[in-house]
């Protein structure tokens, strides 16, 4: 199905780029005017790539966005000298900002697993004027409403890594598993939008480089959460949370925002862990207000 946000995104200038970051090639798409007053770097979620946050980008044509594919995902190469853990991704993000020429000037926005990466990086001293976290992982995924499914996912990834390569890849790229995940997370009653979301996951969810980097990233995603780093983030921070998120319930988001020295919580209703797909206009409005 065509994206419901395609026309708006098509009106925004975009440029594909590649940068050498820590000895590996990072692919990114740059959106918006190069002379914009504000630059925002987007850090996507686990198994996603730069496409995922496109619907939000489409609502903010006056902002310059840099949307890289995380190492090992999309069109970016895996890290060659670091593990794909929180420390490795933190080092990559710091080096990426240098390579892109926006170190210390770009606002950092992380979605889902990207919220952990951004929080860890800023807490470790990576400079940014402000922080935006969309669907932040506010507690350990094993403790969330879908903790049982998370434990099943752990077994799934372990099996995919242990099987012979051909069969392991087939398991990890299973369209059935992808569809189960997609159906679980989508909350909209709009049938056309649900179909498009499922097709997006079918199209991009299996674009990972190899099983080792995927397993390392998955372990990082379920072993950490934003609450570990919140107290060490002095910058103004915006949390954009959903009232029906299966990974971090809204009660945990209220606890999370209290851990930051200076943060505000924007709650979007009628949506779960896919704010960027189902409610990008509401998310963009919150982001625009925060940036002003």
C-alpha atoms as a PDB file:
ATOM      1  CA  UNK A   1       0.000   0.000   0.000  1.00  0.00           C
ATOM      2  CA  UNK A   2       1.185   3.577  -0.574  1.00  0.00           C
ATOM      3  CA  UNK A   3       2.236   5.397   2.558  1.00  0.00           C
ATOM      4  CA  UNK A   4      -0.454   7.766   3.870  1.00  0.00           C
ATOM      5  CA  UNK A   5       2.397  10.198   4.505  1.00  0.00           C
ATOM      6  CA  UNK A   6       4.078   9.791   1.103  1.00  0.00           C
ATOM      7  CA  UNK A   7       2.956  13.062  -0.464  1.00  0.00           C
ATOM      8  CA  UNK A   8       3.985  15.173   2.514  1.00  0.00           C
ATOM      9  CA  UNK A   9       7.388  13.459   2.765  1.00  0.00           C
ATOM     10  CA  UNK A  10       7.961  13.761  -0.991  1.00  0.00           C
ATOM     11  CA  UNK A  11       7.661  17.539  -0.739  1.00  0.00           C
ATOM     12  CA  UNK A  12      10.631  17.658   1.636  1.00  0.00           C
ATOM     13  CA  UNK A  13      14.094  17.683  -0.007  1.00  0.00           C
ATOM     14  CA  UNK A  14      16.099  14.568   0.846  1.00  0.00           C
ATOM     15  CA  UNK A  15      19.643  13.423   0.175  1.00  0.00           C
ATOM     16  CA  UNK A  16      21.144   9.954   0.624  1.00  0.00           C
ATOM     17  CA  UNK A  17      24.599  10.032   2.169  1.00  0.00           C
ATOM     18  CA  UNK A  18      27.246   7.653   3.461  1.00  0.00           C
ATOM     19  CA  UNK A  19      29.756   8.364   6.206  1.00  0.00           C
ATOM     20  CA  UNK A  20      32.717   6.421   7.551  1.00  0.00           C
ATOM     21  CA  UNK A  21      32.050   6.000  11.266  1.00  0.00           C
ATOM     22  CA  UNK A  22      34.443   4.000  13.460  1.00  0.00           C
ATOM     23  CA  UNK A  23      35.775   2.234  10.369  1.00  0.00           C
ATOM     24  CA  UNK A  24      32.370   1.122   9.074  1.00  0.00           C
ATOM     25  CA  UNK A  25      30.010   2.626   6.526  1.00  0.00           C
ATOM     26  CA  UNK A  26      26.920   4.332   7.929  1.00  0.00           C
ATOM     27  CA  UNK A  27      24.061   5.125   5.566  1.00  0.00           C
ATOM     28  CA  UNK A  28      21.831   8.100   6.306  1.00  0.00           C
ATOM     29  CA  UNK A  29      19.160  10.211   4.694  1.00  0.00           C
ATOM     30  CA  UNK A  30      19.218  13.966   5.233  1.00  0.00           C
ATOM     31  CA  UNK A  31      15.822  15.658   5.096  1.00  0.00           C
ATOM     32  CA  UNK A  32      14.856  19.292   5.018  1.00  0.00           C
ATOM     33  CA  UNK A  33      16.664  22.570   4.370  1.00  0.00           C
ATOM     34  CA  UNK A  34      20.425  22.467   4.923  1.00  0.00           C
ATOM     35  CA  UNK A  35      20.289  25.954   6.449  1.00  0.00           C
ATOM     36  CA  UNK A  36      17.489  25.159   8.912  1.00  0.00           C
ATOM     37  CA  UNK A  37      17.641  26.763  12.345  1.00  0.00           C
ATOM     38  CA  UNK A  38      17.493  23.359  14.025  1.00  0.00           C
ATOM     39  CA  UNK A  39      19.039  19.968  13.192  1.00  0.00           C
ATOM     40  CA  UNK A  40      17.634  16.800  14.720  1.00  0.00           C
ATOM     41  CA  UNK A  41      19.393  13.425  14.570  1.00  0.00           C
ATOM     42  CA  UNK A  42      16.999  10.470  14.560  1.00  0.00           C
ATOM     43  CA  UNK A  43      17.926   7.166  16.204  1.00  0.00           C
ATOM     44  CA  UNK A  44      15.455   4.455  15.221  1.00  0.00           C
ATOM     45  CA  UNK A  45      14.306   1.360  17.086  1.00  0.00           C
ATOM     46  CA  UNK A  46      15.436  -2.263  17.093  1.00  0.00           C
ATOM     47  CA  UNK A  47      15.351  -3.936  13.660  1.00  0.00           C
ATOM     48  CA  UNK A  48      14.116  -0.752  12.034  1.00  0.00           C
ATOM     49  CA  UNK A  49      15.933   1.690   9.786  1.00  0.00           C
ATOM     50  CA  UNK A  50      15.639   5.336   8.738  1.00  0.00           C
ATOM     51  CA  UNK A  51      12.251   4.775   7.084  1.00  0.00           C
ATOM     52  CA  UNK A  52      10.418   4.294  10.378  1.00  0.00           C
ATOM     53  CA  UNK A  53      10.458   7.917  11.524  1.00  0.00           C
ATOM     54  CA  UNK A  54       9.656   9.260   8.059  1.00  0.00           C
ATOM     55  CA  UNK A  55       5.994   9.979   8.934  1.00  0.00           C
ATOM     56  CA  UNK A  56       7.151  12.317  11.725  1.00  0.00           C
ATOM     57  CA  UNK A  57       9.698  13.980   9.432  1.00  0.00           C
ATOM     58  CA  UNK A  58       6.887  14.581   6.919  1.00  0.00           C
ATOM     59  CA  UNK A  59       5.101  16.860   9.411  1.00  0.00           C
ATOM     60  CA  UNK A  60       8.116  19.118  10.069  1.00  0.00           C
ATOM     61  CA  UNK A  61       9.349  20.488   6.721  1.00  0.00           C
ATOM     62  CA  UNK A  62      11.305  23.370   8.282  1.00  0.00           C
ATOM     63  CA  UNK A  63      13.558  21.130  10.397  1.00  0.00           C
ATOM     64  CA  UNK A  64      16.755  19.520   9.117  1.00  0.00           C
ATOM     65  CA  UNK A  65      16.775  15.830  10.009  1.00  0.00           C
ATOM     66  CA  UNK A  66      19.667  13.390   9.814  1.00  0.00           C
ATOM     67  CA  UNK A  67      18.282   9.840   9.798  1.00  0.00           C
ATOM     68  CA  UNK A  68      21.027   7.195   9.891  1.00  0.00           C
ATOM     69  CA  UNK A  69      20.552   3.441   9.809  1.00  0.00           C
ATOM     70  CA  UNK A  70      22.012   2.027  13.020  1.00  0.00           C
ATOM     71  CA  UNK A  71      25.103  -0.153  12.496  1.00  0.00           C
ATOM     72  CA  UNK A  72      24.046  -3.624  11.402  1.00  0.00           C
ATOM     73  CA  UNK A  73      20.602  -2.479  10.220  1.00  0.00           C
ATOM     74  CA  UNK A  74      19.185  -1.077   7.008  1.00  0.00           C
ATOM     75  CA  UNK A  75      22.020  -0.202   4.628  1.00  0.00           C
ATOM     76  CA  UNK A  76      24.642   0.438   7.324  1.00  0.00           C
ATOM     77  CA  UNK A  77      27.498  -1.960   7.890  1.00  0.00           C
ATOM     78  CA  UNK A  78      27.978  -3.605  11.294  1.00  0.00           C
ATOM     79  CA  UNK A  79      30.517  -2.160  13.679  1.00  0.00           C
ATOM     80  CA  UNK A  80      33.943  -3.603  12.946  1.00  0.00           C
ATOM     81  CA  UNK A  81      35.759  -2.786  16.193  1.00  0.00           C
ATOM     82  CA  UNK A  82      32.932  -2.693  18.740  1.00  0.00           C
ATOM     83  CA  UNK A  83      30.237  -5.028  19.953  1.00  0.00           C
ATOM     84  CA  UNK A  84      26.656  -4.066  19.143  1.00  0.00           C
ATOM     85  CA  UNK A  85      25.884  -3.295  22.763  1.00  0.00           C
ATOM     86  CA  UNK A  86      24.995  -0.050  24.499  1.00  0.00           C
ATOM     87  CA  UNK A  87      28.654   0.954  24.808  1.00  0.00           C
ATOM     88  CA  UNK A  88      29.245   0.219  21.129  1.00  0.00           C
ATOM     89  CA  UNK A  89      26.214   2.166  19.977  1.00  0.00           C
ATOM     90  CA  UNK A  90      27.129   5.049  22.276  1.00  0.00           C
ATOM     91  CA  UNK A  91      30.600   5.216  20.737  1.00  0.00           C
ATOM     92  CA  UNK A  92      29.052   5.035  17.266  1.00  0.00           C
ATOM     93  CA  UNK A  93      26.575   7.868  17.933  1.00  0.00           C
ATOM     94  CA  UNK A  94      29.316  10.124  19.289  1.00  0.00           C
ATOM     95  CA  UNK A  95      31.499   9.414  16.244  1.00  0.00           C
ATOM     96  CA  UNK A  96      28.554   9.828  13.871  1.00  0.00           C
ATOM     97  CA  UNK A  97      27.812  13.304  15.204  1.00  0.00           C
ATOM     98  CA  UNK A  98      31.447  14.257  14.616  1.00  0.00           C
ATOM     99  CA  UNK A  99      31.437  12.797  11.094  1.00  0.00           C
ATOM    100  CA  UNK A 100      28.197  14.600  10.229  1.00  0.00           C
ATOM    101  CA  UNK A 101      29.518  17.908  11.568  1.00  0.00           C
ATOM    102  CA  UNK A 102      26.742  18.337  14.160  1.00  0.00           C
ATOM    103  CA  UNK A 103      28.534  17.276  17.342  1.00  0.00           C
ATOM    104  CA  UNK A 104      27.146  19.358  20.185  1.00  0.00           C
ATOM    105  CA  UNK A 105      24.618  21.238  18.031  1.00  0.00           C
ATOM    106  CA  UNK A 106      22.031  18.634  16.946  1.00  0.00           C
ATOM    107  CA  UNK A 107      19.033  17.693  19.062  1.00  0.00           C
ATOM    108  CA  UNK A 108      18.977  13.917  19.619  1.00  0.00           C
ATOM    109  CA  UNK A 109      15.712  12.018  19.134  1.00  0.00           C
ATOM    110  CA  UNK A 110      15.447   8.309  19.897  1.00  0.00           C
ATOM    111  CA  UNK A 111      12.506   5.982  19.349  1.00  0.00           C
ATOM    112  CA  UNK A 112      12.081   2.755  21.352  1.00  0.00           C
ATOM    113  CA  UNK A 113      15.514   1.058  21.430  1.00  0.00           C
ATOM    114  CA  UNK A 114      16.854   4.332  20.066  1.00  0.00           C
ATOM    115  CA  UNK A 115      15.645   6.004  23.271  1.00  0.00           C
ATOM    116  CA  UNK A 116      18.027   3.769  25.226  1.00  0.00           C
ATOM    117  CA  UNK A 117      20.929   4.512  22.866  1.00  0.00           C
ATOM    118  CA  UNK A 118      20.344   8.271  23.007  1.00  0.00           C
ATOM    119  CA  UNK A 119      19.919   8.289  26.794  1.00  0.00           C
ATOM    120  CA  UNK A 120      23.054   6.234  27.364  1.00  0.00           C
ATOM    121  CA  UNK A 121      25.062   8.461  25.026  1.00  0.00           C
ATOM    122  CA  UNK A 122      23.924  11.742  26.614  1.00  0.00           C
ATOM    123  CA  UNK A 123      24.464  10.352  30.115  1.00  0.00           C
ATOM    124  CA  UNK A 124      28.005   9.402  29.041  1.00  0.00           C
ATOM    125  CA  UNK A 125      28.701  12.979  27.992  1.00  0.00           C
ATOM    126  CA  UNK A 126      27.770  13.123  24.307  1.00  0.00           C
ATOM    127  CA  UNK A 127      26.740  16.788  23.922  1.00  0.00           C
ATOM    128  CA  UNK A 128      23.339  17.901  22.647  1.00  0.00           C
ATOM    129  CA  UNK A 129      21.201  20.949  23.392  1.00  0.00           C
ATOM    130  CA  UNK A 130      18.026  18.922  23.998  1.00  0.00           C
ATOM    131  CA  UNK A 131      16.741  15.345  24.065  1.00  0.00           C
ATOM    132  CA  UNK A 132      13.523  13.864  22.656  1.00  0.00           C
ATOM    133  CA  UNK A 133      12.456  10.298  23.438  1.00  0.00           C
ATOM    134  CA  UNK A 134       9.495   8.755  21.578  1.00  0.00           C
ATOM    135  CA  UNK A 135       7.965   5.593  23.071  1.00  0.00           C
ATOM    136  CA  UNK A 136      10.838   5.554  25.577  1.00  0.00           C
ATOM    137  CA  UNK A 137      11.687   2.198  27.124  1.00  0.00           C
ATOM    138  CA  UNK A 138      11.024   3.246  30.703  1.00  0.00           C
ATOM    139  CA  UNK A 139      11.497  -0.113  32.386  1.00  0.00           C
ATOM    140  CA  UNK A 140      13.069  -3.458  31.620  1.00  0.00           C
ATOM    141  CA  UNK A 141      11.141  -5.079  28.764  1.00  0.00           C
ATOM    142  CA  UNK A 142      10.836  -8.312  30.747  1.00  0.00           C
ATOM    143  CA  UNK A 143       8.734  -6.432  33.327  1.00  0.00           C
ATOM    144  CA  UNK A 144       6.281  -4.849  30.882  1.00  0.00           C
ATOM    145  CA  UNK A 145       2.705  -5.925  30.078  1.00  0.00           C
ATOM    146  CA  UNK A 146       4.081  -8.242  27.386  1.00  0.00           C
ATOM    147  CA  UNK A 147       6.863  -9.712  29.519  1.00  0.00           C
ATOM    148  CA  UNK A 148       5.908 -13.258  28.524  1.00  0.00           C
ATOM    149  CA  UNK A 149       6.253 -12.363  24.838  1.00  0.00           C
ATOM    150  CA  UNK A 150       9.613 -10.761  25.566  1.00  0.00           C
ATOM    151  CA  UNK A 151      10.819 -14.004  27.148  1.00  0.00           C
ATOM    152  CA  UNK A 152       9.621 -15.898  24.091  1.00  0.00           C
ATOM    153  CA  UNK A 153      11.514 -13.408  21.941  1.00  0.00           C
ATOM    154  CA  UNK A 154      14.690 -14.163  23.900  1.00  0.00           C
ATOM    155  CA  UNK A 155      14.295 -17.842  23.061  1.00  0.00           C
ATOM    156  CA  UNK A 156      13.497 -16.975  19.449  1.00  0.00           C
ATOM    157  CA  UNK A 157      16.707 -14.983  18.968  1.00  0.00           C
ATOM    158  CA  UNK A 158      18.800 -17.546  20.765  1.00  0.00           C
ATOM    159  CA  UNK A 159      17.426 -20.256  18.483  1.00  0.00           C
ATOM    160  CA  UNK A 160      18.044 -18.133  15.403  1.00  0.00           C
ATOM    161  CA  UNK A 161      21.667 -17.673  16.424  1.00  0.00           C
ATOM    162  CA  UNK A 162      22.230 -21.350  17.315  1.00  0.00           C
ATOM    163  CA  UNK A 163      20.791 -22.931  14.159  1.00  0.00           C
ATOM    164  CA  UNK A 164      22.906 -23.485  11.039  1.00  0.00           C
ATOM    165  CA  UNK A 165      23.268 -20.243   9.132  1.00  0.00           C
ATOM    166  CA  UNK A 166      20.732 -20.923   6.375  1.00  0.00           C
ATOM    167  CA  UNK A 167      18.022 -22.063   8.760  1.00  0.00           C
ATOM    168  CA  UNK A 168      18.915 -19.447  11.361  1.00  0.00           C
ATOM    169  CA  UNK A 169      18.430 -16.636   8.855  1.00  0.00           C
ATOM    170  CA  UNK A 170      15.122 -18.159   7.763  1.00  0.00           C
ATOM    171  CA  UNK A 171      13.890 -18.227  11.349  1.00  0.00           C
ATOM    172  CA  UNK A 172      15.008 -14.683  12.152  1.00  0.00           C
ATOM    173  CA  UNK A 173      13.451 -13.336   8.947  1.00  0.00           C
ATOM    174  CA  UNK A 174      10.212 -15.266   9.353  1.00  0.00           C
ATOM    175  CA  UNK A 175       7.316 -13.245   7.950  1.00  0.00           C
ATOM    176  CA  UNK A 176       4.974 -15.017  10.347  1.00  0.00           C
ATOM    177  CA  UNK A 177       6.918 -13.824  13.390  1.00  0.00           C
ATOM    178  CA  UNK A 178       7.141 -10.332  11.922  1.00  0.00           C
ATOM    179  CA  UNK A 179       3.394 -10.265  11.384  1.00  0.00           C
ATOM    180  CA  UNK A 180       2.668 -11.448  14.935  1.00  0.00           C
ATOM    181  CA  UNK A 181       4.866  -8.646  16.260  1.00  0.00           C
ATOM    182  CA  UNK A 182       3.204  -6.095  13.998  1.00  0.00           C
ATOM    183  CA  UNK A 183      -0.342  -7.166  14.869  1.00  0.00           C
ATOM    184  CA  UNK A 184       0.496  -7.055  18.571  1.00  0.00           C
ATOM    185  CA  UNK A 185       1.866  -3.506  18.486  1.00  0.00           C
ATOM    186  CA  UNK A 186      -0.601  -1.846  16.105  1.00  0.00           C
ATOM    187  CA  UNK A 187      -3.602  -0.328  17.919  1.00  0.00           C
ATOM    188  CA  UNK A 188      -5.360   1.635  15.198  1.00  0.00           C
ATOM    189  CA  UNK A 189      -8.835   0.608  14.023  1.00  0.00           C
ATOM    190  CA  UNK A 190      -8.122   2.035  10.564  1.00  0.00           C
ATOM    191  CA  UNK A 191      -7.844  -1.069   8.385  1.00  0.00           C
ATOM    192  CA  UNK A 192      -5.908   0.663   5.629  1.00  0.00           C
ATOM    193  CA  UNK A 193      -3.411   2.099   8.119  1.00  0.00           C
ATOM    194  CA  UNK A 194      -2.981  -1.295   9.807  1.00  0.00           C
ATOM    195  CA  UNK A 195      -2.323  -2.921   6.441  1.00  0.00           C
ATOM    196  CA  UNK A 196       0.288  -0.302   5.596  1.00  0.00           C
ATOM    197  CA  UNK A 197       1.985  -0.763   8.989  1.00  0.00           C
ATOM    198  CA  UNK A 198       2.183  -4.511   8.456  1.00  0.00           C
ATOM    199  CA  UNK A 199       3.662  -3.994   4.990  1.00  0.00           C
ATOM    200  CA  UNK A 200       6.238  -1.583   6.393  1.00  0.00           C
ATOM    201  CA  UNK A 201       7.349  -4.184   8.903  1.00  0.00           C
ATOM    202  CA  UNK A 202       7.425  -6.860   6.194  1.00  0.00           C
ATOM    203  CA  UNK A 203       9.556  -4.591   4.028  1.00  0.00           C
ATOM    204  CA  UNK A 204      12.120  -3.300   6.511  1.00  0.00           C
ATOM    205  CA  UNK A 205      12.091  -5.445   9.661  1.00  0.00           C
ATOM    206  CA  UNK A 206      14.460  -8.072   8.246  1.00  0.00           C
ATOM    207  CA  UNK A 207      17.098  -5.700   6.868  1.00  0.00           C
ATOM    208  CA  UNK A 208      19.873  -6.701   9.244  1.00  0.00           C
ATOM    209  CA  UNK A 209      23.466  -7.487   8.319  1.00  0.00           C
ATOM    210  CA  UNK A 210      24.132 -10.737  10.147  1.00  0.00           C
ATOM    211  CA  UNK A 211      22.934 -12.878  13.020  1.00  0.00           C
ATOM    212  CA  UNK A 212      25.711 -11.924  15.422  1.00  0.00           C
ATOM    213  CA  UNK A 213      25.090  -8.178  15.312  1.00  0.00           C
ATOM    214  CA  UNK A 214      21.341  -8.781  15.516  1.00  0.00           C
ATOM    215  CA  UNK A 215      21.643 -10.949  18.618  1.00  0.00           C
ATOM    216  CA  UNK A 216      24.007  -8.473  20.285  1.00  0.00           C
ATOM    217  CA  UNK A 217      21.588  -5.613  19.614  1.00  0.00           C
ATOM    218  CA  UNK A 218      18.640  -7.621  20.887  1.00  0.00           C
ATOM    219  CA  UNK A 219      20.445  -8.431  24.130  1.00  0.00           C
ATOM    220  CA  UNK A 220      21.199  -4.730  24.552  1.00  0.00           C
ATOM    221  CA  UNK A 221      17.539  -3.850  23.957  1.00  0.00           C
ATOM    222  CA  UNK A 222      16.198  -6.156  26.680  1.00  0.00           C
ATOM    223  CA  UNK A 223      19.040  -5.641  29.171  1.00  0.00           C
ATOM    224  CA  UNK A 224      18.786  -1.863  29.522  1.00  0.00           C
ATOM    225  CA  UNK A 225      16.212   0.882  29.742  1.00  0.00           C
ATOM    226  CA  UNK A 226      16.119   4.668  29.932  1.00  0.00           C
ATOM    227  CA  UNK A 227      15.619   4.751  33.711  1.00  0.00           C
ATOM    228  CA  UNK A 228      19.271   3.690  34.174  1.00  0.00           C
ATOM    229  CA  UNK A 229      20.482   6.921  32.583  1.00  0.00           C
ATOM    230  CA  UNK A 230      17.765   9.509  33.292  1.00  0.00           C
ATOM    231  CA  UNK A 231      19.320  11.078  36.384  1.00  0.00           C
ATOM    232  CA  UNK A 232      22.550  11.763  34.472  1.00  0.00           C
ATOM    233  CA  UNK A 233      20.879  13.723  31.656  1.00  0.00           C
ATOM    234  CA  UNK A 234      20.891  17.447  32.550  1.00  0.00           C
ATOM    235  CA  UNK A 235      19.463  18.664  29.228  1.00  0.00           C
ATOM    236  CA  UNK A 236      15.809  19.544  28.805  1.00  0.00           C
ATOM    237  CA  UNK A 237      14.106  16.331  27.760  1.00  0.00           C
ATOM    238  CA  UNK A 238      10.764  15.602  26.128  1.00  0.00           C
ATOM    239  CA  UNK A 239       9.172  12.180  26.606  1.00  0.00           C
ATOM    240  CA  UNK A 240       6.440  11.356  24.078  1.00  0.00           C
ATOM    241  CA  UNK A 241       4.619   8.327  25.451  1.00  0.00           C
ATOM    242  CA  UNK A 242       1.519   6.330  24.514  1.00  0.00           C
ATOM    243  CA  UNK A 243      -1.349   5.447  26.801  1.00  0.00           C
ATOM    244  CA  UNK A 244      -1.519   1.870  25.452  1.00  0.00           C
ATOM    245  CA  UNK A 245       2.124   0.874  25.059  1.00  0.00           C
ATOM    246  CA  UNK A 246       2.663  -2.849  25.562  1.00  0.00           C
ATOM    247  CA  UNK A 247       6.373  -2.445  26.317  1.00  0.00           C
ATOM    248  CA  UNK A 248       6.307   0.414  28.830  1.00  0.00           C
ATOM    249  CA  UNK A 249       2.933   1.073  30.523  1.00  0.00           C
ATOM    250  CA  UNK A 250       1.908   4.646  31.170  1.00  0.00           C
ATOM    251  CA  UNK A 251       2.438   4.270  34.940  1.00  0.00           C
ATOM    252  CA  UNK A 252       6.103   3.519  34.280  1.00  0.00           C
ATOM    253  CA  UNK A 253       6.370   6.590  32.030  1.00  0.00           C
ATOM    254  CA  UNK A 254       5.143   8.807  34.871  1.00  0.00           C
ATOM    255  CA  UNK A 255       7.826   7.294  37.102  1.00  0.00           C
ATOM    256  CA  UNK A 256      10.423   7.721  34.381  1.00  0.00           C
ATOM    257  CA  UNK A 257       9.858  11.439  33.834  1.00  0.00           C
ATOM    258  CA  UNK A 258      10.370  12.069  37.553  1.00  0.00           C
ATOM    259  CA  UNK A 259      13.915  10.664  37.316  1.00  0.00           C
ATOM    260  CA  UNK A 260      15.160  13.374  34.953  1.00  0.00           C
ATOM    261  CA  UNK A 261      16.469  16.666  36.338  1.00  0.00           C
ATOM    262  CA  UNK A 262      14.413  18.581  33.763  1.00  0.00           C
ATOM    263  CA  UNK A 263      11.851  16.707  31.661  1.00  0.00           C
ATOM    264  CA  UNK A 264       8.259  16.879  30.509  1.00  0.00           C
ATOM    265  CA  UNK A 265       5.890  14.106  29.511  1.00  0.00           C
ATOM    266  CA  UNK A 266       3.530  14.317  26.546  1.00  0.00           C
ATOM    267  CA  UNK A 267       0.975  11.489  26.492  1.00  0.00           C
ATOM    268  CA  UNK A 268      -0.675  10.573  23.199  1.00  0.00           C
ATOM    269  CA  UNK A 269      -3.909   8.654  23.561  1.00  0.00           C
ATOM    270  CA  UNK A 270      -5.282   5.800  21.500  1.00  0.00           C
ATOM    271  CA  UNK A 271      -1.930   4.423  20.418  1.00  0.00           C
ATOM    272  CA  UNK A 272       0.682   1.925  21.539  1.00  0.00           C
ATOM    273  CA  UNK A 273       4.358   1.454  20.664  1.00  0.00           C
ATOM    274  CA  UNK A 274       3.951   2.768  17.113  1.00  0.00           C
ATOM    275  CA  UNK A 275       3.425   6.491  17.702  1.00  0.00           C
ATOM    276  CA  UNK A 276       5.617   7.240  14.685  1.00  0.00           C
ATOM    277  CA  UNK A 277       3.267   5.264  12.405  1.00  0.00           C
ATOM    278  CA  UNK A 278      -0.155   5.871  13.952  1.00  0.00           C
ATOM    279  CA  UNK A 279       0.078   9.354  15.488  1.00  0.00           C
ATOM    280  CA  UNK A 280       2.930  11.188  13.721  1.00  0.00           C
ATOM    281  CA  UNK A 281       1.015  14.474  13.527  1.00  0.00           C
ATOM    282  CA  UNK A 282       0.501  14.563  17.300  1.00  0.00           C
ATOM    283  CA  UNK A 283       4.140  13.604  17.874  1.00  0.00           C
ATOM    284  CA  UNK A 284       5.341  16.283  15.466  1.00  0.00           C
ATOM    285  CA  UNK A 285       3.216  18.932  17.189  1.00  0.00           C
ATOM    286  CA  UNK A 286       4.792  18.051  20.527  1.00  0.00           C
ATOM    287  CA  UNK A 287       8.276  18.107  18.998  1.00  0.00           C
ATOM    288  CA  UNK A 288       7.683  21.455  17.297  1.00  0.00           C
ATOM    289  CA  UNK A 289       6.485  23.050  20.528  1.00  0.00           C
ATOM    290  CA  UNK A 290       9.453  21.638  22.430  1.00  0.00           C
ATOM    291  CA  UNK A 291      11.989  22.863  19.880  1.00  0.00           C
ATOM    292  CA  UNK A 292      10.546  26.378  20.053  1.00  0.00           C
END
